[in-house]
N, C-alpha and C. Protein backbone atom coordinates (compact mmCIF):
# COMPACT_ATOMS: atom_id res chain seq x y z
N UNK A 1 0.84 -1.19 0.00
CA UNK A 1 0.00 0.00 0.00
C UNK A 1 0.89 1.25 0.00
N UNK A 2 0.61 2.16 -0.91
CA UNK A 2 1.40 3.39 -1.04
C UNK A 2 0.94 4.41 -0.01
N UNK A 3 1.86 4.82 0.84
CA UNK A 3 1.55 5.79 1.90
C UNK A 3 2.08 7.18 1.56
N UNK A 4 2.38 7.43 0.29
CA UNK A 4 2.87 8.73 -0.14
C UNK A 4 1.78 9.78 0.03
N UNK A 5 2.17 10.94 0.53
CA UNK A 5 1.20 12.03 0.71
C UNK A 5 0.64 12.46 -0.63
N UNK A 6 -0.64 12.80 -0.61
CA UNK A 6 -1.33 13.24 -1.83
C UNK A 6 -0.66 14.47 -2.44
N UNK A 7 0.01 15.28 -1.61
CA UNK A 7 0.66 16.49 -2.12
C UNK A 7 1.79 16.17 -3.09
N UNK A 8 2.22 14.90 -3.15
CA UNK A 8 3.24 14.50 -4.11
C UNK A 8 2.67 14.39 -5.53
N UNK A 9 1.35 14.21 -5.63
CA UNK A 9 0.74 14.00 -6.95
C UNK A 9 -0.39 14.98 -7.27
N UNK A 10 -0.88 15.70 -6.25
CA UNK A 10 -2.00 16.62 -6.45
C UNK A 10 -1.66 18.00 -5.91
N UNK A 11 -2.28 19.01 -6.49
CA UNK A 11 -2.09 20.38 -6.01
C UNK A 11 -3.45 21.08 -5.98
N UNK A 12 -3.63 21.96 -5.02
CA UNK A 12 -4.90 22.68 -4.87
C UNK A 12 -4.68 24.17 -5.08
N UNK A 13 -5.68 24.82 -5.66
CA UNK A 13 -5.61 26.26 -5.86
C UNK A 13 -7.03 26.84 -5.87
N UNK A 14 -7.10 28.15 -5.72
CA UNK A 14 -8.36 28.86 -5.88
C UNK A 14 -8.36 29.47 -7.28
N UNK A 15 -9.46 29.25 -8.00
CA UNK A 15 -9.56 29.76 -9.36
C UNK A 15 -10.91 30.44 -9.53
N UNK A 16 -10.97 31.43 -10.42
CA UNK A 16 -12.26 32.08 -10.70
C UNK A 16 -13.28 31.05 -11.15
N UNK A 17 -14.49 31.20 -10.69
CA UNK A 17 -15.56 30.29 -11.09
C UNK A 17 -15.84 30.44 -12.56
N UNK A 18 -15.94 29.29 -13.21
CA UNK A 18 -16.33 29.28 -14.62
C UNK A 18 -17.83 29.49 -14.68
N UNK A 19 -18.30 29.91 -15.80
CA UNK A 19 -19.74 30.01 -15.92
C UNK A 19 -20.17 31.06 -16.92
N UNK A 20 -21.42 31.02 -17.15
CA UNK A 20 -22.05 31.94 -18.09
C UNK A 20 -21.99 33.36 -17.52
N UNK A 21 -21.80 34.36 -18.36
CA UNK A 21 -21.76 35.74 -17.88
C UNK A 21 -23.01 36.13 -17.08
N UNK A 22 -24.17 35.57 -17.43
CA UNK A 22 -25.40 35.89 -16.68
C UNK A 22 -25.31 35.36 -15.25
N UNK A 23 -24.69 34.19 -15.06
CA UNK A 23 -24.52 33.65 -13.72
C UNK A 23 -23.58 34.53 -12.90
N UNK A 24 -22.51 35.00 -13.53
CA UNK A 24 -21.58 35.89 -12.83
C UNK A 24 -22.28 37.20 -12.46
N UNK A 25 -23.10 37.70 -13.36
CA UNK A 25 -23.85 38.93 -13.07
C UNK A 25 -24.82 38.70 -11.92
N UNK A 26 -25.42 37.53 -11.87
CA UNK A 26 -26.34 37.19 -10.78
C UNK A 26 -25.63 37.15 -9.44
N UNK A 27 -24.43 36.58 -9.39
CA UNK A 27 -23.66 36.55 -8.13
C UNK A 27 -23.28 37.97 -7.71
N UNK A 28 -22.89 38.80 -8.69
CA UNK A 28 -22.54 40.18 -8.38
C UNK A 28 -23.75 40.91 -7.81
N UNK A 29 -24.90 40.72 -8.45
CA UNK A 29 -26.13 41.36 -7.98
C UNK A 29 -26.49 40.88 -6.57
N UNK A 30 -26.34 39.60 -6.31
CA UNK A 30 -26.62 39.07 -4.97
C UNK A 30 -25.72 39.71 -3.93
N UNK A 31 -24.47 39.95 -4.28
CA UNK A 31 -23.54 40.61 -3.36
C UNK A 31 -23.97 42.05 -3.08
N UNK A 32 -24.37 42.76 -4.13
CA UNK A 32 -24.79 44.15 -3.98
C UNK A 32 -26.05 44.23 -3.13
N UNK A 33 -27.04 43.39 -3.43
CA UNK A 33 -28.29 43.40 -2.68
C UNK A 33 -28.04 43.01 -1.22
N UNK A 34 -27.22 42.00 -1.00
CA UNK A 34 -26.91 41.58 0.37
C UNK A 34 -26.28 42.70 1.18
N UNK A 35 -25.37 43.43 0.55
CA UNK A 35 -24.72 44.54 1.25
C UNK A 35 -25.68 45.69 1.49
N UNK A 36 -26.53 45.99 0.51
CA UNK A 36 -27.45 47.12 0.63
C UNK A 36 -28.60 46.84 1.59
N UNK A 37 -29.18 45.67 1.49
CA UNK A 37 -30.37 45.35 2.28
C UNK A 37 -30.01 44.87 3.68
N UNK A 38 -29.05 44.00 3.76
CA UNK A 38 -28.73 43.38 5.04
C UNK A 38 -27.49 43.97 5.70
N UNK A 39 -26.80 44.85 5.01
CA UNK A 39 -25.57 45.41 5.55
C UNK A 39 -24.51 44.34 5.70
N UNK A 40 -24.68 43.26 4.95
CA UNK A 40 -23.80 42.11 5.06
C UNK A 40 -22.54 42.33 4.24
N UNK A 41 -21.43 41.88 4.80
CA UNK A 41 -20.19 41.90 4.05
C UNK A 41 -19.92 40.51 3.47
N UNK A 42 -20.78 39.53 3.80
CA UNK A 42 -20.65 38.20 3.21
C UNK A 42 -20.93 38.32 1.72
N UNK A 43 -20.21 37.57 0.95
CA UNK A 43 -20.40 37.62 -0.49
C UNK A 43 -20.70 36.23 -1.02
N UNK A 44 -21.35 36.20 -2.16
CA UNK A 44 -21.56 34.94 -2.86
C UNK A 44 -20.25 34.65 -3.58
N UNK A 45 -19.66 33.52 -3.27
CA UNK A 45 -18.33 33.20 -3.79
C UNK A 45 -18.31 33.15 -5.31
N UNK A 46 -17.28 33.70 -5.86
CA UNK A 46 -17.05 33.66 -7.29
C UNK A 46 -15.76 32.89 -7.54
N UNK A 47 -15.44 31.99 -6.59
CA UNK A 47 -14.18 31.27 -6.60
C UNK A 47 -14.44 29.78 -6.38
N UNK A 48 -13.67 28.96 -7.06
CA UNK A 48 -13.73 27.51 -6.88
C UNK A 48 -12.41 27.02 -6.29
N UNK A 49 -12.49 25.96 -5.49
CA UNK A 49 -11.31 25.21 -5.10
C UNK A 49 -11.11 24.17 -6.19
N UNK A 50 -9.92 24.15 -6.77
CA UNK A 50 -9.61 23.23 -7.86
C UNK A 50 -8.40 22.40 -7.47
N UNK A 51 -8.55 21.07 -7.57
CA UNK A 51 -7.45 20.15 -7.30
C UNK A 51 -7.08 19.50 -8.63
N UNK A 52 -5.78 19.56 -8.94
CA UNK A 52 -5.27 19.03 -10.21
C UNK A 52 -4.15 18.03 -9.97
N UNK A 53 -4.01 17.12 -10.92
CA UNK A 53 -2.84 16.23 -10.93
C UNK A 53 -1.64 17.07 -11.36
N UNK A 54 -0.56 16.96 -10.60
CA UNK A 54 0.63 17.75 -10.93
C UNK A 54 1.28 17.26 -12.22
N UNK A 55 1.14 15.97 -12.53
CA UNK A 55 1.80 15.42 -13.72
C UNK A 55 1.12 15.83 -15.03
N UNK A 56 -0.20 16.01 -15.01
CA UNK A 56 -0.94 16.26 -16.25
C UNK A 56 -1.74 17.56 -16.25
N UNK A 57 -1.99 18.11 -15.07
CA UNK A 57 -2.84 19.29 -14.97
C UNK A 57 -4.32 18.96 -14.98
N UNK A 58 -4.65 17.66 -15.07
CA UNK A 58 -6.05 17.21 -15.09
C UNK A 58 -6.75 17.62 -13.80
N UNK A 59 -7.94 18.18 -13.93
CA UNK A 59 -8.76 18.55 -12.77
C UNK A 59 -9.40 17.28 -12.22
N UNK A 60 -9.14 16.99 -10.94
CA UNK A 60 -9.76 15.83 -10.30
C UNK A 60 -10.87 16.25 -9.35
N UNK A 61 -10.91 17.55 -9.01
CA UNK A 61 -11.95 18.06 -8.12
C UNK A 61 -12.12 19.55 -8.37
N UNK A 62 -13.35 19.98 -8.53
CA UNK A 62 -13.68 21.40 -8.61
C UNK A 62 -14.92 21.58 -7.76
N UNK A 63 -14.83 22.45 -6.78
CA UNK A 63 -15.97 22.70 -5.91
C UNK A 63 -16.03 24.18 -5.55
N UNK A 64 -17.22 24.67 -5.34
CA UNK A 64 -17.38 26.08 -4.97
C UNK A 64 -16.73 26.34 -3.62
N UNK A 65 -15.96 27.40 -3.56
CA UNK A 65 -15.34 27.83 -2.30
C UNK A 65 -16.27 28.86 -1.67
N UNK A 66 -17.50 28.40 -1.34
CA UNK A 66 -18.55 29.34 -0.94
C UNK A 66 -18.98 29.23 0.52
N UNK A 67 -18.19 28.54 1.32
CA UNK A 67 -18.49 28.44 2.74
C UNK A 67 -17.38 29.17 3.49
N UNK A 68 -17.71 30.30 4.09
CA UNK A 68 -16.70 31.06 4.82
C UNK A 68 -15.72 31.74 3.88
N UNK A 69 -14.48 31.75 4.26
CA UNK A 69 -13.42 32.42 3.51
C UNK A 69 -12.75 31.40 2.60
N UNK A 70 -12.71 31.65 1.29
CA UNK A 70 -12.13 30.67 0.37
C UNK A 70 -10.71 30.23 0.74
N UNK A 71 -9.92 31.14 1.25
CA UNK A 71 -8.54 30.80 1.61
C UNK A 71 -8.49 29.76 2.73
N UNK A 72 -9.49 29.75 3.61
CA UNK A 72 -9.53 28.75 4.68
C UNK A 72 -9.80 27.37 4.09
N UNK A 73 -10.67 27.30 3.09
CA UNK A 73 -10.93 26.02 2.42
C UNK A 73 -9.66 25.53 1.73
N UNK A 74 -8.93 26.44 1.10
CA UNK A 74 -7.67 26.07 0.46
C UNK A 74 -6.67 25.56 1.49
N UNK A 75 -6.59 26.23 2.63
CA UNK A 75 -5.69 25.78 3.70
C UNK A 75 -6.05 24.37 4.16
N UNK A 76 -7.35 24.09 4.32
CA UNK A 76 -7.81 22.75 4.72
C UNK A 76 -7.44 21.71 3.67
N UNK A 77 -7.64 22.05 2.40
CA UNK A 77 -7.29 21.12 1.33
C UNK A 77 -5.79 20.84 1.33
N UNK A 78 -4.98 21.88 1.47
CA UNK A 78 -3.52 21.68 1.49
C UNK A 78 -3.08 20.87 2.69
N UNK A 79 -3.71 21.07 3.83
CA UNK A 79 -3.40 20.29 5.03
C UNK A 79 -3.70 18.81 4.77
N UNK A 80 -4.87 18.54 4.18
CA UNK A 80 -5.24 17.16 3.88
C UNK A 80 -4.34 16.56 2.81
N UNK A 81 -3.94 17.36 1.82
CA UNK A 81 -3.01 16.87 0.80
C UNK A 81 -1.70 16.43 1.43
N UNK A 82 -1.25 17.14 2.46
CA UNK A 82 0.00 16.80 3.15
C UNK A 82 -0.14 15.60 4.08
N UNK A 83 -1.36 15.39 4.61
CA UNK A 83 -1.55 14.37 5.64
C UNK A 83 -2.14 13.06 5.13
N UNK A 84 -2.86 13.10 4.01
CA UNK A 84 -3.55 11.92 3.51
C UNK A 84 -2.87 11.38 2.24
N UNK A 85 -3.10 10.11 1.96
CA UNK A 85 -2.68 9.57 0.68
C UNK A 85 -3.60 10.14 -0.40
N UNK A 86 -3.23 9.94 -1.66
CA UNK A 86 -4.09 10.42 -2.75
C UNK A 86 -5.47 9.78 -2.66
N UNK A 87 -5.52 8.47 -2.47
CA UNK A 87 -6.81 7.79 -2.36
C UNK A 87 -7.62 8.32 -1.17
N UNK A 88 -6.95 8.51 -0.04
CA UNK A 88 -7.63 9.03 1.15
C UNK A 88 -8.15 10.44 0.93
N UNK A 89 -7.35 11.28 0.27
CA UNK A 89 -7.79 12.65 -0.01
C UNK A 89 -9.01 12.64 -0.92
N UNK A 90 -8.95 11.88 -2.00
CA UNK A 90 -10.07 11.84 -2.95
C UNK A 90 -11.33 11.30 -2.28
N UNK A 91 -11.17 10.32 -1.41
CA UNK A 91 -12.32 9.79 -0.69
C UNK A 91 -12.88 10.85 0.28
N UNK A 92 -12.01 11.50 1.02
CA UNK A 92 -12.42 12.51 2.01
C UNK A 92 -13.11 13.70 1.36
N UNK A 93 -12.64 14.11 0.21
CA UNK A 93 -13.17 15.27 -0.48
C UNK A 93 -14.23 14.88 -1.52
N UNK A 94 -14.68 13.64 -1.47
CA UNK A 94 -15.77 13.13 -2.31
C UNK A 94 -15.48 13.18 -3.80
N UNK A 95 -14.26 12.99 -4.16
CA UNK A 95 -13.89 12.83 -5.56
C UNK A 95 -13.61 11.35 -5.77
N UNK A 96 -13.86 10.85 -6.94
CA UNK A 96 -13.67 9.43 -7.21
C UNK A 96 -12.24 9.18 -7.64
N UNK A 97 -11.52 8.31 -6.90
CA UNK A 97 -10.15 7.99 -7.32
C UNK A 97 -10.17 7.17 -8.61
N UNK A 98 -9.10 7.28 -9.38
CA UNK A 98 -9.00 6.49 -10.62
C UNK A 98 -9.01 5.02 -10.28
N UNK A 99 -9.58 4.25 -11.18
CA UNK A 99 -9.62 2.80 -10.99
C UNK A 99 -8.29 2.19 -11.32
């Protein structure tokens, strides 16, 4: 059984959310309305956490970084990449490992 840390084969980053311009406009509008109506500084995330294979650049996981501060999610992913095997990381983060 390979006990190599997932960080040897995978890397995590925050990337702008892909999507239709109308969806981006909708998130922007939600941020403006939230700030104006509720005085909220919380924003609708326009960022995804993306995990890629370092050897190929293939995306193995893309998820919205929309809970709390995106950088905290990235920190958690990097911590797990350092502590878990690739299979363990993919299982923990609900991505399907390659067969």
